[in-house]
């Protein structure tokens, strides 16, 4: 009976670990669900997406990102120009106070990895450092997954993210 309980506990903890590992805190700053999309072997760039929230009345600005898997990380945005979606670098990404900033494939903000050291494969993971103007640096770990899997995982975590933000604002 005891071994059955230990097996069930180990299974529950192993299932909870990935979700817990996908939350990173720096005081009142919360980063959740960092993920990147795989890159084909002949492509030397990829995108990273994160959710960022600040549980206070003090906004901040994401000014830089770095990782050992690429020579450069640029902050990017996407917008429609006529009937064409255009991607372009931005100097910073403003993170409003008491709000969730969500990055997702298909449009809007993302972190562009340029000159990859090696292609990113589904199932890989890598470290990344995000630098904020006021709060400083936070180290995160990014998982590589298909865009549709990243969206699905992020959707499941979105509710929890809002709960955490609400709790911090109380």
C-alpha atoms as a PDB file:
ATOM      1  CA  UNK A   1       0.000   0.000   0.000  1.00  0.00           C
ATOM      2  CA  UNK A   2       2.815   2.372   0.909  1.00  0.00           C
ATOM      3  CA  UNK A   3       4.602   1.710  -2.397  1.00  0.00           C
ATOM      4  CA  UNK A   4       1.372   2.460  -4.307  1.00  0.00           C
ATOM      5  CA  UNK A   5       1.080   5.785  -2.469  1.00  0.00           C
ATOM      6  CA  UNK A   6       4.725   6.643  -3.234  1.00  0.00           C
ATOM      7  CA  UNK A   7       4.219   5.756  -6.900  1.00  0.00           C
ATOM      8  CA  UNK A   8       1.125   7.976  -7.097  1.00  0.00           C
ATOM      9  CA  UNK A   9       2.954  10.819  -5.330  1.00  0.00           C
ATOM     10  CA  UNK A  10       5.947  10.533  -7.680  1.00  0.00           C
ATOM     11  CA  UNK A  11       3.630  10.568 -10.698  1.00  0.00           C
ATOM     12  CA  UNK A  12       1.771  13.635  -9.444  1.00  0.00           C
ATOM     13  CA  UNK A  13       5.002  15.501  -8.721  1.00  0.00           C
ATOM     14  CA  UNK A  14       6.478  14.670 -12.111  1.00  0.00           C
ATOM     15  CA  UNK A  15       3.361  16.011 -13.829  1.00  0.00           C
ATOM     16  CA  UNK A  16       3.366  19.194 -11.728  1.00  0.00           C
ATOM     17  CA  UNK A  17       7.091  19.929 -12.171  1.00  0.00           C
ATOM     18  CA  UNK A  18       6.907  21.229 -15.769  1.00  0.00           C
ATOM     19  CA  UNK A  19       4.130  23.675 -14.918  1.00  0.00           C
ATOM     20  CA  UNK A  20       5.970  24.921 -11.835  1.00  0.00           C
ATOM     21  CA  UNK A  21       9.189  25.237 -13.809  1.00  0.00           C
ATOM     22  CA  UNK A  22       7.437  27.547 -16.240  1.00  0.00           C
ATOM     23  CA  UNK A  23       6.889  30.345 -13.720  1.00  0.00           C
ATOM     24  CA  UNK A  24       9.657  32.802 -12.927  1.00  0.00           C
ATOM     25  CA  UNK A  25       9.475  35.672 -10.444  1.00  0.00           C
ATOM     26  CA  UNK A  26      11.487  38.809  -9.865  1.00  0.00           C
ATOM     27  CA  UNK A  27       9.778  40.613  -6.990  1.00  0.00           C
ATOM     28  CA  UNK A  28       6.394  41.650  -8.457  1.00  0.00           C
ATOM     29  CA  UNK A  29       7.329  40.627 -12.013  1.00  0.00           C
ATOM     30  CA  UNK A  30       6.010  37.265 -13.221  1.00  0.00           C
ATOM     31  CA  UNK A  31       7.155  35.455 -16.369  1.00  0.00           C
ATOM     32  CA  UNK A  32       5.191  32.384 -17.413  1.00  0.00           C
ATOM     33  CA  UNK A  33       5.247  29.864 -20.210  1.00  0.00           C
ATOM     34  CA  UNK A  34       8.396  30.778 -22.131  1.00  0.00           C
ATOM     35  CA  UNK A  35       8.530  28.713 -25.319  1.00  0.00           C
ATOM     36  CA  UNK A  36      10.263  28.780 -28.684  1.00  0.00           C
ATOM     37  CA  UNK A  37       9.256  27.271 -31.972  1.00  0.00           C
ATOM     38  CA  UNK A  38      11.543  24.741 -33.696  1.00  0.00           C
ATOM     39  CA  UNK A  39      13.771  25.945 -36.519  1.00  0.00           C
ATOM     40  CA  UNK A  40      14.331  23.969 -39.708  1.00  0.00           C
ATOM     41  CA  UNK A  41      17.962  22.841 -40.204  1.00  0.00           C
ATOM     42  CA  UNK A  42      18.623  25.405 -42.958  1.00  0.00           C
ATOM     43  CA  UNK A  43      17.222  28.373 -40.987  1.00  0.00           C
ATOM     44  CA  UNK A  44      19.398  30.344 -38.553  1.00  0.00           C
ATOM     45  CA  UNK A  45      16.632  32.098 -36.616  1.00  0.00           C
ATOM     46  CA  UNK A  46      13.677  31.278 -34.348  1.00  0.00           C
ATOM     47  CA  UNK A  47      11.154  33.055 -32.147  1.00  0.00           C
ATOM     48  CA  UNK A  48      10.595  32.972 -28.380  1.00  0.00           C
ATOM     49  CA  UNK A  49       7.283  33.819 -26.710  1.00  0.00           C
ATOM     50  CA  UNK A  50       6.591  34.608 -23.034  1.00  0.00           C
ATOM     51  CA  UNK A  51       3.816  35.978 -20.851  1.00  0.00           C
ATOM     52  CA  UNK A  52       4.848  38.892 -18.621  1.00  0.00           C
ATOM     53  CA  UNK A  53       2.877  40.537 -15.848  1.00  0.00           C
ATOM     54  CA  UNK A  54       3.629  43.030 -13.126  1.00  0.00           C
ATOM     55  CA  UNK A  55       1.603  42.774  -9.930  1.00  0.00           C
ATOM     56  CA  UNK A  56       1.949  46.402  -8.862  1.00  0.00           C
ATOM     57  CA  UNK A  57       1.233  49.906 -10.067  1.00  0.00           C
ATOM     58  CA  UNK A  58       4.781  50.343 -11.401  1.00  0.00           C
ATOM     59  CA  UNK A  59       5.200  49.472 -15.106  1.00  0.00           C
ATOM     60  CA  UNK A  60       8.519  48.408 -16.599  1.00  0.00           C
ATOM     61  CA  UNK A  61      10.194  48.013 -19.967  1.00  0.00           C
ATOM     62  CA  UNK A  62      11.827  44.919 -21.440  1.00  0.00           C
ATOM     63  CA  UNK A  63      15.025  46.330 -22.957  1.00  0.00           C
ATOM     64  CA  UNK A  64      17.143  43.291 -23.770  1.00  0.00           C
ATOM     65  CA  UNK A  65      17.290  39.518 -23.954  1.00  0.00           C
ATOM     66  CA  UNK A  66      20.200  37.113 -24.362  1.00  0.00           C
ATOM     67  CA  UNK A  67      20.799  33.388 -24.667  1.00  0.00           C
ATOM     68  CA  UNK A  68      23.781  31.180 -25.451  1.00  0.00           C
ATOM     69  CA  UNK A  69      21.871  29.496 -28.318  1.00  0.00           C
ATOM     70  CA  UNK A  70      22.063  32.541 -30.612  1.00  0.00           C
ATOM     71  CA  UNK A  71      24.486  35.348 -31.348  1.00  0.00           C
ATOM     72  CA  UNK A  72      21.773  37.997 -31.038  1.00  0.00           C
ATOM     73  CA  UNK A  73      18.289  38.357 -29.594  1.00  0.00           C
ATOM     74  CA  UNK A  74      16.162  41.175 -30.959  1.00  0.00           C
ATOM     75  CA  UNK A  75      12.878  42.426 -29.523  1.00  0.00           C
ATOM     76  CA  UNK A  76      10.342  42.276 -32.369  1.00  0.00           C
ATOM     77  CA  UNK A  77       6.802  43.296 -33.166  1.00  0.00           C
ATOM     78  CA  UNK A  78       4.521  42.406 -36.056  1.00  0.00           C
ATOM     79  CA  UNK A  79       1.864  44.531 -37.703  1.00  0.00           C
ATOM     80  CA  UNK A  80      -0.244  44.512 -40.834  1.00  0.00           C
ATOM     81  CA  UNK A  81       0.808  46.881 -43.607  1.00  0.00           C
ATOM     82  CA  UNK A  82      -2.005  46.755 -46.089  1.00  0.00           C
ATOM     83  CA  UNK A  83      -2.532  43.062 -46.698  1.00  0.00           C
ATOM     84  CA  UNK A  84       0.976  42.019 -45.619  1.00  0.00           C
ATOM     85  CA  UNK A  85       2.124  41.048 -42.122  1.00  0.00           C
ATOM     86  CA  UNK A  86       5.438  42.777 -41.446  1.00  0.00           C
ATOM     87  CA  UNK A  87       7.964  41.942 -38.705  1.00  0.00           C
ATOM     88  CA  UNK A  88      10.335  44.607 -37.376  1.00  0.00           C
ATOM     89  CA  UNK A  89      12.733  45.134 -34.453  1.00  0.00           C
ATOM     90  CA  UNK A  90      11.728  47.473 -31.639  1.00  0.00           C
ATOM     91  CA  UNK A  91      14.065  49.100 -29.093  1.00  0.00           C
ATOM     92  CA  UNK A  92      11.957  48.001 -26.126  1.00  0.00           C
ATOM     93  CA  UNK A  93       8.688  46.389 -25.089  1.00  0.00           C
ATOM     94  CA  UNK A  94       6.585  48.258 -22.568  1.00  0.00           C
ATOM     95  CA  UNK A  95       5.013  46.124 -19.849  1.00  0.00           C
ATOM     96  CA  UNK A  96       2.062  47.953 -18.283  1.00  0.00           C
ATOM     97  CA  UNK A  97       1.381  47.710 -14.560  1.00  0.00           C
ATOM     98  CA  UNK A  98      -1.278  45.267 -13.370  1.00  0.00           C
ATOM     99  CA  UNK A  99      -1.677  43.800 -16.851  1.00  0.00           C
ATOM    100  CA  UNK A 100      -0.734  40.606 -18.659  1.00  0.00           C
ATOM    101  CA  UNK A 101       1.427  41.023 -21.770  1.00  0.00           C
ATOM    102  CA  UNK A 102       1.004  37.889 -23.877  1.00  0.00           C
ATOM    103  CA  UNK A 103       3.351  36.941 -26.725  1.00  0.00           C
ATOM    104  CA  UNK A 104       2.075  34.313 -29.189  1.00  0.00           C
ATOM    105  CA  UNK A 105       2.958  33.032 -32.658  1.00  0.00           C
ATOM    106  CA  UNK A 106       1.078  34.746 -35.449  1.00  0.00           C
ATOM    107  CA  UNK A 107       1.421  38.392 -34.515  1.00  0.00           C
ATOM    108  CA  UNK A 108       2.553  40.956 -31.995  1.00  0.00           C
ATOM    109  CA  UNK A 109       5.623  40.975 -29.805  1.00  0.00           C
ATOM    110  CA  UNK A 110       8.191  38.170 -29.701  1.00  0.00           C
ATOM    111  CA  UNK A 111      11.904  37.684 -29.083  1.00  0.00           C
ATOM    112  CA  UNK A 112      13.804  36.892 -32.281  1.00  0.00           C
ATOM    113  CA  UNK A 113      16.835  34.623 -31.990  1.00  0.00           C
ATOM    114  CA  UNK A 114      19.302  35.427 -34.788  1.00  0.00           C
ATOM    115  CA  UNK A 115      22.344  33.439 -35.896  1.00  0.00           C
ATOM    116  CA  UNK A 116      21.445  30.276 -34.015  1.00  0.00           C
ATOM    117  CA  UNK A 117      24.378  28.154 -32.872  1.00  0.00           C
ATOM    118  CA  UNK A 118      22.385  25.051 -33.897  1.00  0.00           C
ATOM    119  CA  UNK A 119      18.801  24.437 -35.027  1.00  0.00           C
ATOM    120  CA  UNK A 120      16.186  24.331 -32.256  1.00  0.00           C
ATOM    121  CA  UNK A 121      14.452  20.957 -32.143  1.00  0.00           C
ATOM    122  CA  UNK A 122      11.134  20.118 -30.548  1.00  0.00           C
ATOM    123  CA  UNK A 123      11.813  18.918 -27.006  1.00  0.00           C
ATOM    124  CA  UNK A 124      14.977  21.018 -26.557  1.00  0.00           C
ATOM    125  CA  UNK A 125      15.252  23.653 -23.853  1.00  0.00           C
ATOM    126  CA  UNK A 126      17.700  26.476 -23.222  1.00  0.00           C
ATOM    127  CA  UNK A 127      18.433  29.330 -20.776  1.00  0.00           C
ATOM    128  CA  UNK A 128      17.600  32.957 -21.514  1.00  0.00           C
ATOM    129  CA  UNK A 129      18.086  36.196 -19.595  1.00  0.00           C
ATOM    130  CA  UNK A 130      15.525  38.994 -19.846  1.00  0.00           C
ATOM    131  CA  UNK A 131      16.584  42.505 -18.808  1.00  0.00           C
ATOM    132  CA  UNK A 132      14.082  45.075 -17.582  1.00  0.00           C
ATOM    133  CA  UNK A 133      14.853  48.789 -17.221  1.00  0.00           C
ATOM    134  CA  UNK A 134      13.663  49.058 -13.607  1.00  0.00           C
ATOM    135  CA  UNK A 135      13.625  45.534 -12.180  1.00  0.00           C
ATOM    136  CA  UNK A 136      16.862  44.243 -13.712  1.00  0.00           C
ATOM    137  CA  UNK A 137      17.599  40.747 -14.982  1.00  0.00           C
ATOM    138  CA  UNK A 138      15.652  37.526 -14.655  1.00  0.00           C
ATOM    139  CA  UNK A 139      16.890  34.128 -15.830  1.00  0.00           C
ATOM    140  CA  UNK A 140      14.324  31.816 -17.416  1.00  0.00           C
ATOM    141  CA  UNK A 141      14.332  28.467 -19.191  1.00  0.00           C
ATOM    142  CA  UNK A 142      12.695  28.196 -22.618  1.00  0.00           C
ATOM    143  CA  UNK A 143      11.139  24.978 -23.966  1.00  0.00           C
ATOM    144  CA  UNK A 144      11.043  24.310 -27.711  1.00  0.00           C
ATOM    145  CA  UNK A 145       7.648  23.143 -28.978  1.00  0.00           C
ATOM    146  CA  UNK A 146       5.423  23.379 -32.018  1.00  0.00           C
ATOM    147  CA  UNK A 147       3.524  26.676 -32.226  1.00  0.00           C
ATOM    148  CA  UNK A 148       0.135  24.975 -31.784  1.00  0.00           C
ATOM    149  CA  UNK A 149       1.391  23.119 -28.682  1.00  0.00           C
ATOM    150  CA  UNK A 150       2.786  26.350 -27.260  1.00  0.00           C
ATOM    151  CA  UNK A 151      -0.544  28.090 -27.763  1.00  0.00           C
ATOM    152  CA  UNK A 152      -2.434  25.216 -26.101  1.00  0.00           C
ATOM    153  CA  UNK A 153      -0.070  25.052 -23.112  1.00  0.00           C
ATOM    154  CA  UNK A 154      -0.201  28.817 -22.749  1.00  0.00           C
ATOM    155  CA  UNK A 155      -3.992  28.794 -22.796  1.00  0.00           C
ATOM    156  CA  UNK A 156      -4.048  26.328 -19.917  1.00  0.00           C
ATOM    157  CA  UNK A 157      -1.633  28.496 -17.935  1.00  0.00           C
ATOM    158  CA  UNK A 158      -3.412  31.758 -18.750  1.00  0.00           C
ATOM    159  CA  UNK A 159      -6.125  31.183 -16.154  1.00  0.00           C
ATOM    160  CA  UNK A 160      -3.516  30.437 -13.481  1.00  0.00           C
ATOM    161  CA  UNK A 161      -1.527  33.512 -14.512  1.00  0.00           C
ATOM    162  CA  UNK A 162      -4.592  35.727 -14.010  1.00  0.00           C
ATOM    163  CA  UNK A 163      -5.195  34.144 -10.599  1.00  0.00           C
ATOM    164  CA  UNK A 164      -1.600  34.860  -9.555  1.00  0.00           C
ATOM    165  CA  UNK A 165      -1.834  38.445 -10.796  1.00  0.00           C
ATOM    166  CA  UNK A 166      -5.130  38.992  -8.945  1.00  0.00           C
ATOM    167  CA  UNK A 167      -3.623  37.565  -5.753  1.00  0.00           C
ATOM    168  CA  UNK A 168      -0.622  39.931  -5.970  1.00  0.00           C
ATOM    169  CA  UNK A 169      -2.874  42.943  -6.502  1.00  0.00           C
ATOM    170  CA  UNK A 170      -4.958  42.249  -3.389  1.00  0.00           C
END
